[in-house]
Amino acid sequence: MARGEKGSLSLLAVETASLEEQLQGWGEVLRWERAWFPPAIMGVVSLLFLIIYYLDPSVLSGVSCLVMLLCLADYLVPILAPRIFGSNKWTTEQPQRFHEILKTRGRALGWWKRLFTLKEEKPKMYFMSMISSLAAVDWVEHQVRNLLLTYLIVTFVLLLLGLNPHKIIPKNIGMAKGEINKLLKQKEKKYY
């Protein structure tokens, strides 16, 4: 094994241990072994957003309530999760789950680094892609109400942890790439 590979493996082990320590109380929730987890998450998120919609709080009240709910969840989930989900202890497969979480975080950081590499190497392409992306985001924001858009983003982010281990996202990305390639090939044939 090369020296760089040993260093990256030890770094991964350290990051995994750190993440495991930080998320120890949330382990039961992160496993997603039961089929009712996604509907339960969506139900809780939907209920919270219905309450927000009904109460229509000011920005400061909304932020303070959000932080209060996060603190409450951080306190109650480690206490209630073993009682709700059973007393299952962490098994040897749990480090694999943390590796998956770290891989997801690594992919996100990789996209971020590629963006800055594009900025340095091809500033015009960076400029055009950023302007196009931000214009698309602005258009979507004008088409969809802020609260609904926030609800969709929060739901997607919360469900992302469960979607990755079941390989749903890579499968759909692969299908999307295949469809895009088909469209590009059809377009090339059309011009020739």
C-alpha atoms as a PDB file:
ATOM      1  CA  MET A   1       0.000   0.000   0.000  1.00  0.00           C
ATOM      2  CA  ALA A   2       1.372   3.415  -0.918  1.00  0.00           C
ATOM      3  CA  ARG A   3       2.173   5.968   1.718  1.00  0.00           C
ATOM      4  CA  GLY A   4      -0.579   8.348   0.536  1.00  0.00           C
ATOM      5  CA  GLU A   5      -3.180   5.589   0.695  1.00  0.00           C
ATOM      6  CA  LYS A   6      -2.222   4.770   4.297  1.00  0.00           C
ATOM      7  CA  GLY A   7      -2.541   8.447   5.198  1.00  0.00           C
ATOM      8  CA  SER A   8      -5.973   8.760   3.608  1.00  0.00           C
ATOM      9  CA  LEU A   9      -7.147   5.535   5.286  1.00  0.00           C
ATOM     10  CA  SER A  10      -5.992   6.728   8.695  1.00  0.00           C
ATOM     11  CA  LEU A  11      -7.624  10.110   8.068  1.00  0.00           C
ATOM     12  CA  LEU A  12     -10.853   8.321   7.139  1.00  0.00           C
ATOM     13  CA  ALA A  13     -10.639   6.231  10.320  1.00  0.00           C
ATOM     14  CA  VAL A  14     -10.128   9.359  12.444  1.00  0.00           C
ATOM     15  CA  GLU A  15     -13.024  11.155  10.730  1.00  0.00           C
ATOM     16  CA  THR A  16     -15.241   8.084  11.139  1.00  0.00           C
ATOM     17  CA  ALA A  17     -14.427   7.838  14.856  1.00  0.00           C
ATOM     18  CA  SER A  18     -15.113  11.550  15.304  1.00  0.00           C
ATOM     19  CA  LEU A  19     -18.412  11.342  13.434  1.00  0.00           C
ATOM     20  CA  GLU A  20     -19.414   8.237  15.401  1.00  0.00           C
ATOM     21  CA  GLU A  21     -18.746  10.073  18.654  1.00  0.00           C
ATOM     22  CA  GLN A  22     -20.744  13.118  17.533  1.00  0.00           C
ATOM     23  CA  LEU A  23     -23.725  11.093  16.315  1.00  0.00           C
ATOM     24  CA  GLN A  24     -23.733   8.364  18.964  1.00  0.00           C
ATOM     25  CA  GLY A  25     -27.177   9.280  20.281  1.00  0.00           C
ATOM     26  CA  TRP A  26     -28.622   9.572  16.790  1.00  0.00           C
ATOM     27  CA  GLY A  27     -27.459   6.122  15.684  1.00  0.00           C
ATOM     28  CA  GLU A  28     -30.862   4.487  15.897  1.00  0.00           C
ATOM     29  CA  VAL A  29     -32.387   7.160  13.686  1.00  0.00           C
ATOM     30  CA  LEU A  30     -29.582   6.988  11.116  1.00  0.00           C
ATOM     31  CA  ARG A  31     -29.941   3.261  10.468  1.00  0.00           C
ATOM     32  CA  TRP A  32     -33.152   3.439   8.413  1.00  0.00           C
ATOM     33  CA  GLU A  33     -33.788  -0.274   8.828  1.00  0.00           C
ATOM     34  CA  ARG A  34     -37.558   0.048   9.043  1.00  0.00           C
ATOM     35  CA  ALA A  35     -39.841   0.943   6.157  1.00  0.00           C
ATOM     36  CA  TRP A  36     -41.801   3.482   8.198  1.00  0.00           C
ATOM     37  CA  PHE A  37     -38.824   5.811   8.793  1.00  0.00           C
ATOM     38  CA  PRO A  38     -39.213   7.948   5.630  1.00  0.00           C
ATOM     39  CA  PRO A  39     -42.968   8.501   6.113  1.00  0.00           C
ATOM     40  CA  ALA A  40     -42.381   9.307   9.791  1.00  0.00           C
ATOM     41  CA  ILE A  41     -39.711  11.875   8.920  1.00  0.00           C
ATOM     42  CA  MET A  42     -41.938  13.417   6.259  1.00  0.00           C
ATOM     43  CA  GLY A  43     -44.861  13.460   8.688  1.00  0.00           C
ATOM     44  CA  VAL A  44     -42.893  15.269  11.390  1.00  0.00           C
ATOM     45  CA  VAL A  45     -41.449  17.770   8.901  1.00  0.00           C
ATOM     46  CA  SER A  46     -44.905  18.326   7.382  1.00  0.00           C
ATOM     47  CA  LEU A  47     -46.427  18.915  10.808  1.00  0.00           C
ATOM     48  CA  LEU A  48     -43.724  21.435  11.716  1.00  0.00           C
ATOM     49  CA  PHE A  49     -44.173  23.307   8.451  1.00  0.00           C
ATOM     50  CA  LEU A  50     -47.971  23.334   8.837  1.00  0.00           C
ATOM     51  CA  ILE A  51     -47.497  24.878  12.279  1.00  0.00           C
ATOM     52  CA  ILE A  52     -45.135  27.464  10.802  1.00  0.00           C
ATOM     53  CA  TYR A  53     -47.629  28.206   8.021  1.00  0.00           C
ATOM     54  CA  TYR A  54     -50.495  28.554  10.468  1.00  0.00           C
ATOM     55  CA  LEU A  55     -48.632  30.721  12.995  1.00  0.00           C
ATOM     56  CA  ASP A  56     -46.797  32.810  10.352  1.00  0.00           C
ATOM     57  CA  PRO A  57     -44.024  33.922  12.740  1.00  0.00           C
ATOM     58  CA  SER A  58     -41.680  36.840  12.167  1.00  0.00           C
ATOM     59  CA  VAL A  59     -38.139  36.054  11.052  1.00  0.00           C
ATOM     60  CA  LEU A  60     -36.609  36.381  14.523  1.00  0.00           C
ATOM     61  CA  SER A  61     -39.363  34.316  16.133  1.00  0.00           C
ATOM     62  CA  GLY A  62     -38.973  31.670  13.439  1.00  0.00           C
ATOM     63  CA  VAL A  63     -35.210  31.463  13.872  1.00  0.00           C
ATOM     64  CA  SER A  64     -35.448  31.281  17.661  1.00  0.00           C
ATOM     65  CA  CYS A  65     -38.139  28.564  17.459  1.00  0.00           C
ATOM     66  CA  LEU A  66     -36.027  26.619  14.947  1.00  0.00           C
ATOM     67  CA  VAL A  67     -32.981  26.735  17.217  1.00  0.00           C
ATOM     68  CA  MET A  68     -35.164  25.769  20.173  1.00  0.00           C
ATOM     69  CA  LEU A  69     -36.532  22.760  18.244  1.00  0.00           C
ATOM     70  CA  LEU A  70     -33.020  21.704  17.223  1.00  0.00           C
ATOM     71  CA  CYS A  71     -31.849  21.895  20.837  1.00  0.00           C
ATOM     72  CA  LEU A  72     -34.896  19.944  21.953  1.00  0.00           C
ATOM     73  CA  ALA A  73     -34.275  17.266  19.310  1.00  0.00           C
ATOM     74  CA  ASP A  74     -30.593  17.091  20.227  1.00  0.00           C
ATOM     75  CA  TYR A  75     -31.575  16.497  23.826  1.00  0.00           C
ATOM     76  CA  LEU A  76     -34.546  14.144  23.352  1.00  0.00           C
ATOM     77  CA  VAL A  77     -33.492  11.932  20.412  1.00  0.00           C
ATOM     78  CA  PRO A  78     -30.600  10.220  22.245  1.00  0.00           C
ATOM     79  CA  ILE A  79     -32.905   9.573  25.203  1.00  0.00           C
ATOM     80  CA  LEU A  80     -36.023   8.442  23.328  1.00  0.00           C
ATOM     81  CA  ALA A  81     -34.491   6.649  20.322  1.00  0.00           C
ATOM     82  CA  PRO A  82     -33.467   3.477  22.215  1.00  0.00           C
ATOM     83  CA  ARG A  83     -36.930   3.254  23.753  1.00  0.00           C
ATOM     84  CA  ILE A  84     -38.744   3.733  20.445  1.00  0.00           C
ATOM     85  CA  PHE A  85     -36.476   1.680  18.203  1.00  0.00           C
ATOM     86  CA  GLY A  86     -35.492  -0.965  20.726  1.00  0.00           C
ATOM     87  CA  SER A  87     -32.267  -1.467  22.588  1.00  0.00           C
ATOM     88  CA  ASN A  88     -30.236  -2.453  19.538  1.00  0.00           C
ATOM     89  CA  LYS A  89     -26.628  -1.577  20.123  1.00  0.00           C
ATOM     90  CA  TRP A  90     -24.162  -0.520  17.504  1.00  0.00           C
ATOM     91  CA  THR A  91     -22.896  -3.412  15.436  1.00  0.00           C
ATOM     92  CA  THR A  92     -19.834  -3.841  13.279  1.00  0.00           C
ATOM     93  CA  GLU A  93     -21.783  -2.491  10.286  1.00  0.00           C
ATOM     94  CA  GLN A  94     -22.157   0.933  11.887  1.00  0.00           C
ATOM     95  CA  PRO A  95     -18.685   2.178  10.867  1.00  0.00           C
ATOM     96  CA  GLN A  96     -19.738   1.369   7.294  1.00  0.00           C
ATOM     97  CA  ARG A  97     -22.744   3.670   7.758  1.00  0.00           C
ATOM     98  CA  PHE A  98     -20.448   6.451   8.911  1.00  0.00           C
ATOM     99  CA  HIS A  99     -18.188   5.798   5.903  1.00  0.00           C
ATOM    100  CA  GLU A 100     -21.271   6.358   3.706  1.00  0.00           C
ATOM    101  CA  ILE A 101     -22.020   9.642   5.474  1.00  0.00           C
ATOM    102  CA  LEU A 102     -18.411  10.729   5.093  1.00  0.00           C
ATOM    103  CA  LYS A 103     -18.455   9.771   1.397  1.00  0.00           C
ATOM    104  CA  THR A 104     -21.537  11.939   0.898  1.00  0.00           C
ATOM    105  CA  ARG A 105     -19.824  14.827   2.635  1.00  0.00           C
ATOM    106  CA  GLY A 106     -16.696  14.186   0.550  1.00  0.00           C
ATOM    107  CA  ARG A 107     -18.727  14.294  -2.674  1.00  0.00           C
ATOM    108  CA  ALA A 108     -20.255  17.618  -1.669  1.00  0.00           C
ATOM    109  CA  LEU A 109     -16.819  19.036  -0.855  1.00  0.00           C
ATOM    110  CA  GLY A 110     -15.513  17.637  -4.157  1.00  0.00           C
ATOM    111  CA  TRP A 111     -18.177  19.533  -6.095  1.00  0.00           C
ATOM    112  CA  TRP A 112     -17.308  22.664  -4.137  1.00  0.00           C
ATOM    113  CA  LYS A 113     -13.581  22.276  -4.962  1.00  0.00           C
ATOM    114  CA  ARG A 114     -14.387  21.622  -8.648  1.00  0.00           C
ATOM    115  CA  LEU A 115     -16.338  24.858  -8.725  1.00  0.00           C
ATOM    116  CA  PHE A 116     -13.334  26.831  -7.518  1.00  0.00           C
ATOM    117  CA  THR A 117     -11.032  24.947  -9.868  1.00  0.00           C
ATOM    118  CA  LEU A 118     -13.352  25.934 -12.717  1.00  0.00           C
ATOM    119  CA  LYS A 119     -13.186  29.532 -11.506  1.00  0.00           C
ATOM    120  CA  GLU A 120      -9.385  29.503 -11.692  1.00  0.00           C
ATOM    121  CA  GLU A 121      -9.009  27.563 -14.941  1.00  0.00           C
ATOM    122  CA  LYS A 122     -11.999  28.799 -16.967  1.00  0.00           C
ATOM    123  CA  PRO A 123     -13.329  32.043 -15.484  1.00  0.00           C
ATOM    124  CA  LYS A 124     -15.731  32.736 -18.372  1.00  0.00           C
ATOM    125  CA  MET A 125     -17.267  29.265 -18.113  1.00  0.00           C
ATOM    126  CA  TYR A 126     -17.508  29.705 -14.336  1.00  0.00           C
ATOM    127  CA  PHE A 127     -19.202  33.077 -14.768  1.00  0.00           C
ATOM    128  CA  MET A 128     -21.725  31.788 -17.317  1.00  0.00           C
ATOM    129  CA  SER A 129     -22.541  28.647 -15.335  1.00  0.00           C
ATOM    130  CA  MET A 130     -22.987  30.590 -12.092  1.00  0.00           C
ATOM    131  CA  ILE A 131     -25.188  33.226 -13.740  1.00  0.00           C
ATOM    132  CA  SER A 132     -27.286  30.513 -15.414  1.00  0.00           C
ATOM    133  CA  SER A 133     -27.600  28.481 -12.208  1.00  0.00           C
ATOM    134  CA  LEU A 134     -28.511  31.479 -10.079  1.00  0.00           C
ATOM    135  CA  ALA A 135     -31.026  32.680 -12.679  1.00  0.00           C
ATOM    136  CA  ALA A 136     -32.622  29.219 -12.641  1.00  0.00           C
ATOM    137  CA  VAL A 137     -32.754  29.274  -8.832  1.00  0.00           C
ATOM    138  CA  ASP A 138     -34.298  32.752  -8.958  1.00  0.00           C
ATOM    139  CA  TRP A 139     -36.906  31.574 -11.463  1.00  0.00           C
ATOM    140  CA  VAL A 140     -37.800  28.573  -9.291  1.00  0.00           C
ATOM    141  CA  GLU A 141     -38.031  30.850  -6.250  1.00  0.00           C
ATOM    142  CA  HIS A 142     -40.505  33.084  -8.075  1.00  0.00           C
ATOM    143  CA  GLN A 143     -42.596  30.106  -9.170  1.00  0.00           C
ATOM    144  CA  VAL A 144     -42.769  28.398  -5.787  1.00  0.00           C
ATOM    145  CA  ARG A 145     -43.616  30.016  -2.462  1.00  0.00           C
ATOM    146  CA  ASN A 146     -40.710  30.380  -0.037  1.00  0.00           C
ATOM    147  CA  LEU A 147     -42.210  28.172   2.655  1.00  0.00           C
ATOM    148  CA  LEU A 148     -43.000  25.370   0.207  1.00  0.00           C
ATOM    149  CA  LEU A 149     -39.522  25.581  -1.284  1.00  0.00           C
ATOM    150  CA  THR A 150     -37.978  25.470   2.193  1.00  0.00           C
ATOM    151  CA  TYR A 151     -40.183  22.476   3.048  1.00  0.00           C
ATOM    152  CA  LEU A 152     -39.022  20.621  -0.072  1.00  0.00           C
ATOM    153  CA  ILE A 153     -35.350  21.375   0.613  1.00  0.00           C
ATOM    154  CA  VAL A 154     -35.562  20.359   4.285  1.00  0.00           C
ATOM    155  CA  THR A 155     -37.419  17.147   3.430  1.00  0.00           C
ATOM    156  CA  PHE A 156     -34.883  16.239   0.727  1.00  0.00           C
ATOM    157  CA  VAL A 157     -31.907  16.892   3.001  1.00  0.00           C
ATOM    158  CA  LEU A 158     -33.412  14.826   5.833  1.00  0.00           C
ATOM    159  CA  LEU A 159     -34.259  11.961   3.501  1.00  0.00           C
ATOM    160  CA  LEU A 160     -30.836  12.091   1.828  1.00  0.00           C
ATOM    161  CA  LEU A 161     -29.201  10.115   4.640  1.00  0.00           C
ATOM    162  CA  GLY A 162     -31.587   7.250   4.003  1.00  0.00           C
ATOM    163  CA  LEU A 163     -31.531   7.455   0.221  1.00  0.00           C
ATOM    164  CA  ASN A 164     -27.763   7.066  -0.111  1.00  0.00           C
ATOM    165  CA  PRO A 165     -27.365   3.661   1.624  1.00  0.00           C
ATOM    166  CA  HIS A 166     -30.194   2.241  -0.484  1.00  0.00           C
ATOM    167  CA  LYS A 167     -28.375   3.418  -3.647  1.00  0.00           C
ATOM    168  CA  ILE A 168     -31.449   5.300  -4.896  1.00  0.00           C
ATOM    169  CA  ILE A 169     -29.623   8.517  -5.793  1.00  0.00           C
ATOM    170  CA  PRO A 170     -26.728   6.930  -7.760  1.00  0.00           C
ATOM    171  CA  LYS A 171     -29.228   4.745  -9.618  1.00  0.00           C
ATOM    172  CA  ASN A 172     -31.348   7.735 -10.645  1.00  0.00           C
ATOM    173  CA  ILE A 173     -28.311   9.816 -11.538  1.00  0.00           C
ATOM    174  CA  GLY A 174     -27.103   6.966 -13.744  1.00  0.00           C
ATOM    175  CA  MET A 175     -30.513   6.798 -15.452  1.00  0.00           C
ATOM    176  CA  ALA A 176     -30.508  10.576 -15.966  1.00  0.00           C
ATOM    177  CA  LYS A 177     -27.007  10.462 -17.482  1.00  0.00           C
ATOM    178  CA  GLY A 178     -28.133   7.700 -19.848  1.00  0.00           C
ATOM    179  CA  GLU A 179     -31.138   9.736 -20.979  1.00  0.00           C
ATOM    180  CA  ILE A 180     -29.010  12.847 -21.509  1.00  0.00           C
ATOM    181  CA  ASN A 181     -26.508  10.832 -23.556  1.00  0.00           C
ATOM    182  CA  LYS A 182     -29.369   9.457 -25.689  1.00  0.00           C
ATOM    183  CA  LEU A 183     -30.658  12.967 -26.318  1.00  0.00           C
ATOM    184  CA  LEU A 184     -27.190  14.211 -27.241  1.00  0.00           C
ATOM    185  CA  LYS A 185     -26.663  11.299 -29.649  1.00  0.00           C
ATOM    186  CA  GLN A 186     -30.042  11.946 -31.281  1.00  0.00           C
ATOM    187  CA  LYS A 187     -29.150  15.598 -31.691  1.00  0.00           C
ATOM    188  CA  GLU A 188     -25.802  14.686 -33.298  1.00  0.00           C
ATOM    189  CA  LYS A 189     -27.532  12.331 -35.771  1.00  0.00           C
ATOM    190  CA  LYS A 190     -30.020  15.082 -36.617  1.00  0.00           C
ATOM    191  CA  TYR A 191     -27.256  17.477 -37.675  1.00  0.00           C
ATOM    192  CA  TYR A 192     -25.436  14.922 -39.843  1.00  0.00           C
END
